[in-house]
């Protein structure tokens, strides 16, 4: 291995850093949108300017996608590593909600992959004149971002579980080999048996 080659552990830590950046950015993006919406809504919460509200929502969706796009290419690997790490922990050190949260993140990532593929197909079907900045292009892109936002929000809401699992592995000794072997056959708890995780809104 050359001196400049990074170990798998170093690569994983760098990917988690990128995830942490997304978590901070997505929180700020949502906070900015909510602050604008509160300032530009009537006492019943209805927008004072529907067109302005729509533009702000489009910007929120696009900014959140752009931030997560730095993570999306290796998000599947983050989930796979977290599952392996959980098998290395003693049961007493595992938060029951982690299993459920990993499932939410996995489902959301699959939906995002579907939406991205649909967007690429729709983009390729546009006429040559439909370039970035044209209504046809931007409207199709905004539609993808709008449909993706709830799944991006799942990652913003539950992505901290990946950081928590990493921290637990670093701070605690691994479980015994016997327990690790048994854990590979354990059935995960059902979502109904798990506590509800805090949502961002």
C-alpha atoms as a PDB file:
ATOM      1  CA  UNK A   1       0.000   0.000   0.000  1.00  0.00           C
ATOM      2  CA  UNK A   2       1.432   3.377  -0.970  1.00  0.00           C
ATOM      3  CA  UNK A   3       1.823   6.071   1.711  1.00  0.00           C
ATOM      4  CA  UNK A   4      -0.954   8.075   0.030  1.00  0.00           C
ATOM      5  CA  UNK A   5      -3.438   5.182  -0.067  1.00  0.00           C
ATOM      6  CA  UNK A   6      -6.274   5.523   2.412  1.00  0.00           C
ATOM      7  CA  UNK A   7      -7.444   2.628   4.536  1.00  0.00           C
ATOM      8  CA  UNK A   8     -11.091   1.504   4.412  1.00  0.00           C
ATOM      9  CA  UNK A   9     -11.542   2.914   7.902  1.00  0.00           C
ATOM     10  CA  UNK A  10     -10.208   6.306   6.827  1.00  0.00           C
ATOM     11  CA  UNK A  11     -12.494   6.301   3.794  1.00  0.00           C
ATOM     12  CA  UNK A  12     -15.476   5.456   6.003  1.00  0.00           C
ATOM     13  CA  UNK A  13     -14.648   8.269   8.418  1.00  0.00           C
ATOM     14  CA  UNK A  14     -14.397  10.732   5.526  1.00  0.00           C
ATOM     15  CA  UNK A  15     -17.771   9.571   4.225  1.00  0.00           C
ATOM     16  CA  UNK A  16     -19.302  10.037   7.657  1.00  0.00           C
ATOM     17  CA  UNK A  17     -17.849  13.538   7.692  1.00  0.00           C
ATOM     18  CA  UNK A  18     -19.628  14.254   4.410  1.00  0.00           C
ATOM     19  CA  UNK A  19     -22.823  12.896   5.942  1.00  0.00           C
ATOM     20  CA  UNK A  20     -22.384  15.191   8.937  1.00  0.00           C
ATOM     21  CA  UNK A  21     -21.965  18.138   6.568  1.00  0.00           C
ATOM     22  CA  UNK A  22     -25.246  17.191   4.876  1.00  0.00           C
ATOM     23  CA  UNK A  23     -27.011  16.924   8.232  1.00  0.00           C
ATOM     24  CA  UNK A  24     -25.885  20.440   9.190  1.00  0.00           C
ATOM     25  CA  UNK A  25     -26.679  21.922   5.799  1.00  0.00           C
ATOM     26  CA  UNK A  26     -30.104  20.309   5.527  1.00  0.00           C
ATOM     27  CA  UNK A  27     -31.019  21.562   8.989  1.00  0.00           C
ATOM     28  CA  UNK A  28     -30.038  25.099   8.007  1.00  0.00           C
ATOM     29  CA  UNK A  29     -31.876  24.867   4.672  1.00  0.00           C
ATOM     30  CA  UNK A  30     -35.062  23.799   6.430  1.00  0.00           C
ATOM     31  CA  UNK A  31     -34.664  26.421   9.160  1.00  0.00           C
ATOM     32  CA  UNK A  32     -34.246  29.165   6.539  1.00  0.00           C
ATOM     33  CA  UNK A  33     -37.341  27.976   4.678  1.00  0.00           C
ATOM     34  CA  UNK A  34     -39.440  27.753   7.840  1.00  0.00           C
ATOM     35  CA  UNK A  35     -38.314  31.217   8.950  1.00  0.00           C
ATOM     36  CA  UNK A  36     -39.249  32.692   5.570  1.00  0.00           C
ATOM     37  CA  UNK A  37     -42.592  30.893   5.552  1.00  0.00           C
ATOM     38  CA  UNK A  38     -43.458  32.129   9.039  1.00  0.00           C
ATOM     39  CA  UNK A  39     -42.599  35.698   8.090  1.00  0.00           C
ATOM     40  CA  UNK A  40     -44.635  35.557   4.878  1.00  0.00           C
ATOM     41  CA  UNK A  41     -47.757  33.782   6.141  1.00  0.00           C
ATOM     42  CA  UNK A  42     -50.970  35.057   7.696  1.00  0.00           C
ATOM     43  CA  UNK A  43     -52.107  34.249  11.218  1.00  0.00           C
ATOM     44  CA  UNK A  44     -53.624  30.974  10.015  1.00  0.00           C
ATOM     45  CA  UNK A  45     -50.369  29.892   8.377  1.00  0.00           C
ATOM     46  CA  UNK A  46     -51.432  30.490   4.777  1.00  0.00           C
ATOM     47  CA  UNK A  47     -48.818  32.029   2.447  1.00  0.00           C
ATOM     48  CA  UNK A  48     -49.293  35.697   1.675  1.00  0.00           C
ATOM     49  CA  UNK A  49     -47.680  35.132  -1.726  1.00  0.00           C
ATOM     50  CA  UNK A  50     -48.338  31.738  -3.291  1.00  0.00           C
ATOM     51  CA  UNK A  51     -45.828  32.277  -6.098  1.00  0.00           C
ATOM     52  CA  UNK A  52     -43.131  33.394  -3.683  1.00  0.00           C
ATOM     53  CA  UNK A  53     -43.820  30.429  -1.410  1.00  0.00           C
ATOM     54  CA  UNK A  54     -43.568  28.066  -4.373  1.00  0.00           C
ATOM     55  CA  UNK A  55     -40.223  29.552  -5.415  1.00  0.00           C
ATOM     56  CA  UNK A  56     -38.855  29.174  -1.899  1.00  0.00           C
ATOM     57  CA  UNK A  57     -40.032  25.553  -1.731  1.00  0.00           C
ATOM     58  CA  UNK A  58     -38.358  24.820  -5.078  1.00  0.00           C
ATOM     59  CA  UNK A  59     -35.129  26.324  -3.744  1.00  0.00           C
ATOM     60  CA  UNK A  60     -35.375  24.302  -0.522  1.00  0.00           C
ATOM     61  CA  UNK A  61     -35.848  21.076  -2.469  1.00  0.00           C
ATOM     62  CA  UNK A  62     -32.998  21.838  -4.887  1.00  0.00           C
ATOM     63  CA  UNK A  63     -30.572  22.890  -2.145  1.00  0.00           C
ATOM     64  CA  UNK A  64     -31.335  19.757  -0.106  1.00  0.00           C
ATOM     65  CA  UNK A  65     -30.819  17.479  -3.121  1.00  0.00           C
ATOM     66  CA  UNK A  66     -27.580  19.229  -3.979  1.00  0.00           C
ATOM     67  CA  UNK A  67     -26.288  18.783  -0.441  1.00  0.00           C
ATOM     68  CA  UNK A  68     -27.222  15.100  -0.243  1.00  0.00           C
ATOM     69  CA  UNK A  69     -25.837  14.384  -3.700  1.00  0.00           C
ATOM     70  CA  UNK A  70     -22.335  14.440  -2.195  1.00  0.00           C
ATOM     71  CA  UNK A  71     -23.402  11.491  -0.017  1.00  0.00           C
ATOM     72  CA  UNK A  72     -25.731   9.591  -2.342  1.00  0.00           C
ATOM     73  CA  UNK A  73     -22.991   7.768  -4.279  1.00  0.00           C
ATOM     74  CA  UNK A  74     -21.728   5.983  -1.141  1.00  0.00           C
ATOM     75  CA  UNK A  75     -24.838   6.033   1.047  1.00  0.00           C
ATOM     76  CA  UNK A  76     -25.422   2.321   0.436  1.00  0.00           C
ATOM     77  CA  UNK A  77     -21.919   1.556   1.711  1.00  0.00           C
ATOM     78  CA  UNK A  78     -22.562   3.642   4.829  1.00  0.00           C
ATOM     79  CA  UNK A  79     -25.631   1.544   5.588  1.00  0.00           C
ATOM     80  CA  UNK A  80     -23.810  -1.746   4.956  1.00  0.00           C
ATOM     81  CA  UNK A  81     -20.942  -0.742   7.250  1.00  0.00           C
ATOM     82  CA  UNK A  82     -23.355   0.302  10.002  1.00  0.00           C
ATOM     83  CA  UNK A  83     -25.072  -3.087   9.848  1.00  0.00           C
ATOM     84  CA  UNK A  84     -21.713  -4.851  10.236  1.00  0.00           C
ATOM     85  CA  UNK A  85     -20.733  -2.541  13.087  1.00  0.00           C
ATOM     86  CA  UNK A  86     -23.939  -3.327  14.972  1.00  0.00           C
ATOM     87  CA  UNK A  87     -23.005  -7.007  14.883  1.00  0.00           C
ATOM     88  CA  UNK A  88     -19.758  -6.101  16.639  1.00  0.00           C
ATOM     89  CA  UNK A  89     -21.501  -4.398  19.553  1.00  0.00           C
ATOM     90  CA  UNK A  90     -22.794  -5.961  22.730  1.00  0.00           C
ATOM     91  CA  UNK A  91     -26.608  -6.027  22.733  1.00  0.00           C
ATOM     92  CA  UNK A  92     -26.728  -3.739  25.764  1.00  0.00           C
ATOM     93  CA  UNK A  93     -24.972  -1.024  23.769  1.00  0.00           C
ATOM     94  CA  UNK A  94     -27.360  -1.106  20.800  1.00  0.00           C
ATOM     95  CA  UNK A  95     -30.210   1.393  20.592  1.00  0.00           C
ATOM     96  CA  UNK A  96     -33.314  -0.468  19.454  1.00  0.00           C
ATOM     97  CA  UNK A  97     -34.318   2.435  17.216  1.00  0.00           C
ATOM     98  CA  UNK A  98     -31.151   2.005  15.134  1.00  0.00           C
ATOM     99  CA  UNK A  99     -32.547  -1.071  13.375  1.00  0.00           C
ATOM    100  CA  UNK A 100     -35.685   0.806  12.434  1.00  0.00           C
ATOM    101  CA  UNK A 101     -33.751   3.905  11.386  1.00  0.00           C
ATOM    102  CA  UNK A 102     -31.440   1.917   9.119  1.00  0.00           C
ATOM    103  CA  UNK A 103     -34.536   0.496   7.467  1.00  0.00           C
ATOM    104  CA  UNK A 104     -35.970   3.985   6.936  1.00  0.00           C
ATOM    105  CA  UNK A 105     -32.686   5.167   5.435  1.00  0.00           C
ATOM    106  CA  UNK A 106     -32.455   2.137   3.148  1.00  0.00           C
ATOM    107  CA  UNK A 107     -36.024   2.569   1.892  1.00  0.00           C
ATOM    108  CA  UNK A 108     -35.479   6.291   1.320  1.00  0.00           C
ATOM    109  CA  UNK A 109     -32.262   5.654  -0.614  1.00  0.00           C
ATOM    110  CA  UNK A 110     -34.011   3.164  -2.890  1.00  0.00           C
ATOM    111  CA  UNK A 111     -36.730   5.724  -3.638  1.00  0.00           C
ATOM    112  CA  UNK A 112     -34.128   8.397  -4.362  1.00  0.00           C
ATOM    113  CA  UNK A 113     -32.366   6.055  -6.781  1.00  0.00           C
ATOM    114  CA  UNK A 114     -35.671   5.434  -8.575  1.00  0.00           C
ATOM    115  CA  UNK A 115     -36.396   9.160  -8.813  1.00  0.00           C
ATOM    116  CA  UNK A 116     -32.896   9.854 -10.127  1.00  0.00           C
ATOM    117  CA  UNK A 117     -33.254   7.205 -12.811  1.00  0.00           C
ATOM    118  CA  UNK A 118     -36.658   8.584 -13.802  1.00  0.00           C
ATOM    119  CA  UNK A 119     -35.178  12.075 -13.977  1.00  0.00           C
ATOM    120  CA  UNK A 120     -32.332  10.937 -16.231  1.00  0.00           C
ATOM    121  CA  UNK A 121     -34.813   9.259 -18.575  1.00  0.00           C
ATOM    122  CA  UNK A 122     -37.070  12.338 -18.609  1.00  0.00           C
ATOM    123  CA  UNK A 123     -34.080  14.617 -19.230  1.00  0.00           C
ATOM    124  CA  UNK A 124     -32.900  12.494 -22.142  1.00  0.00           C
ATOM    125  CA  UNK A 125     -36.393  12.630 -23.646  1.00  0.00           C
ATOM    126  CA  UNK A 126     -36.450  16.440 -23.658  1.00  0.00           C
ATOM    127  CA  UNK A 127     -35.917  18.230 -26.961  1.00  0.00           C
ATOM    128  CA  UNK A 128     -32.400  19.510 -27.691  1.00  0.00           C
ATOM    129  CA  UNK A 129     -33.549  23.060 -26.993  1.00  0.00           C
ATOM    130  CA  UNK A 130     -34.407  22.145 -23.383  1.00  0.00           C
ATOM    131  CA  UNK A 131     -31.232  23.164 -21.598  1.00  0.00           C
ATOM    132  CA  UNK A 132     -30.657  24.193 -17.970  1.00  0.00           C
ATOM    133  CA  UNK A 133     -32.478  27.474 -17.538  1.00  0.00           C
ATOM    134  CA  UNK A 134     -35.299  26.586 -19.910  1.00  0.00           C
ATOM    135  CA  UNK A 135     -38.756  26.013 -18.480  1.00  0.00           C
ATOM    136  CA  UNK A 136     -38.985  22.407 -19.721  1.00  0.00           C
ATOM    137  CA  UNK A 137     -35.661  21.428 -18.167  1.00  0.00           C
ATOM    138  CA  UNK A 138     -36.046  23.317 -14.893  1.00  0.00           C
ATOM    139  CA  UNK A 139     -39.637  22.215 -14.386  1.00  0.00           C
ATOM    140  CA  UNK A 140     -38.734  18.551 -14.851  1.00  0.00           C
ATOM    141  CA  UNK A 141     -35.825  18.904 -12.455  1.00  0.00           C
ATOM    142  CA  UNK A 142     -37.972  20.720  -9.880  1.00  0.00           C
ATOM    143  CA  UNK A 143     -40.497  17.883 -10.058  1.00  0.00           C
ATOM    144  CA  UNK A 144     -37.798  15.338  -9.202  1.00  0.00           C
ATOM    145  CA  UNK A 145     -36.559  17.458  -6.314  1.00  0.00           C
ATOM    146  CA  UNK A 146     -40.082  17.942  -4.965  1.00  0.00           C
ATOM    147  CA  UNK A 147     -40.809  14.212  -5.024  1.00  0.00           C
ATOM    148  CA  UNK A 148     -37.419  13.490  -3.474  1.00  0.00           C
ATOM    149  CA  UNK A 149     -37.670  15.952  -0.617  1.00  0.00           C
ATOM    150  CA  UNK A 150     -39.501  13.703   1.847  1.00  0.00           C
ATOM    151  CA  UNK A 151     -36.891  10.968   1.333  1.00  0.00           C
ATOM    152  CA  UNK A 152     -34.088  13.495   1.715  1.00  0.00           C
ATOM    153  CA  UNK A 153     -35.783  14.594   4.907  1.00  0.00           C
ATOM    154  CA  UNK A 154     -35.711  10.975   6.102  1.00  0.00           C
ATOM    155  CA  UNK A 155     -31.935  11.051   5.709  1.00  0.00           C
ATOM    156  CA  UNK A 156     -31.722  14.423   7.423  1.00  0.00           C
ATOM    157  CA  UNK A 157     -33.868  13.156  10.296  1.00  0.00           C
ATOM    158  CA  UNK A 158     -32.356   9.681  10.794  1.00  0.00           C
ATOM    159  CA  UNK A 159     -28.847   9.930   9.340  1.00  0.00           C
ATOM    160  CA  UNK A 160     -27.508  10.648  12.816  1.00  0.00           C
ATOM    161  CA  UNK A 161     -27.991   6.941  13.578  1.00  0.00           C
ATOM    162  CA  UNK A 162     -24.982   6.172  11.361  1.00  0.00           C
ATOM    163  CA  UNK A 163     -22.836   8.597  13.341  1.00  0.00           C
ATOM    164  CA  UNK A 164     -24.101   7.162  16.626  1.00  0.00           C
ATOM    165  CA  UNK A 165     -23.268   3.606  15.574  1.00  0.00           C
ATOM    166  CA  UNK A 166     -19.769   4.672  14.534  1.00  0.00           C
ATOM    167  CA  UNK A 167     -19.268   6.405  17.888  1.00  0.00           C
ATOM    168  CA  UNK A 168     -20.483   3.328  19.768  1.00  0.00           C
ATOM    169  CA  UNK A 169     -18.030   1.073  17.936  1.00  0.00           C
ATOM    170  CA  UNK A 170     -15.163   3.428  18.705  1.00  0.00           C
ATOM    171  CA  UNK A 171     -16.030   3.914  22.372  1.00  0.00           C
ATOM    172  CA  UNK A 172     -16.973   0.370  23.382  1.00  0.00           C
ATOM    173  CA  UNK A 173     -15.216  -3.017  23.227  1.00  0.00           C
ATOM    174  CA  UNK A 174     -16.589  -5.462  20.641  1.00  0.00           C
ATOM    175  CA  UNK A 175     -18.892  -8.284  21.643  1.00  0.00           C
ATOM    176  CA  UNK A 176     -17.482 -11.787  22.009  1.00  0.00           C
ATOM    177  CA  UNK A 177     -17.192 -13.971  18.884  1.00  0.00           C
ATOM    178  CA  UNK A 178     -19.947 -16.238  20.206  1.00  0.00           C
ATOM    179  CA  UNK A 179     -22.372 -13.340  20.514  1.00  0.00           C
ATOM    180  CA  UNK A 180     -21.373 -12.028  17.097  1.00  0.00           C
ATOM    181  CA  UNK A 181     -22.164 -15.393  15.532  1.00  0.00           C
ATOM    182  CA  UNK A 182     -25.544 -15.522  17.254  1.00  0.00           C
ATOM    183  CA  UNK A 183     -26.364 -11.976  16.200  1.00  0.00           C
ATOM    184  CA  UNK A 184     -26.100 -12.795  12.507  1.00  0.00           C
ATOM    185  CA  UNK A 185     -29.194 -14.964  12.904  1.00  0.00           C
ATOM    186  CA  UNK A 186     -31.133 -12.576  15.103  1.00  0.00           C
ATOM    187  CA  UNK A 187     -34.360 -11.153  13.782  1.00  0.00           C
ATOM    188  CA  UNK A 188     -34.656  -7.342  13.949  1.00  0.00           C
ATOM    189  CA  UNK A 189     -37.360  -5.861  16.097  1.00  0.00           C
ATOM    190  CA  UNK A 190     -40.497  -4.826  14.259  1.00  0.00           C
ATOM    191  CA  UNK A 191     -41.100  -1.088  13.827  1.00  0.00           C
ATOM    192  CA  UNK A 192     -44.226  -1.326  15.969  1.00  0.00           C
ATOM    193  CA  UNK A 193     -42.115  -2.421  18.920  1.00  0.00           C
ATOM    194  CA  UNK A 194     -39.676   0.464  18.579  1.00  0.00           C
ATOM    195  CA  UNK A 195     -40.003   3.956  19.988  1.00  0.00           C
ATOM    196  CA  UNK A 196     -40.820   6.738  17.576  1.00  0.00           C
ATOM    197  CA  UNK A 197     -37.763   8.718  16.534  1.00  0.00           C
ATOM    198  CA  UNK A 198     -37.886  12.484  16.756  1.00  0.00           C
ATOM    199  CA  UNK A 199     -38.767  14.149  13.465  1.00  0.00           C
ATOM    200  CA  UNK A 200     -37.649  17.539  12.334  1.00  0.00           C
ATOM    201  CA  UNK A 201     -41.085  18.997  12.046  1.00  0.00           C
END
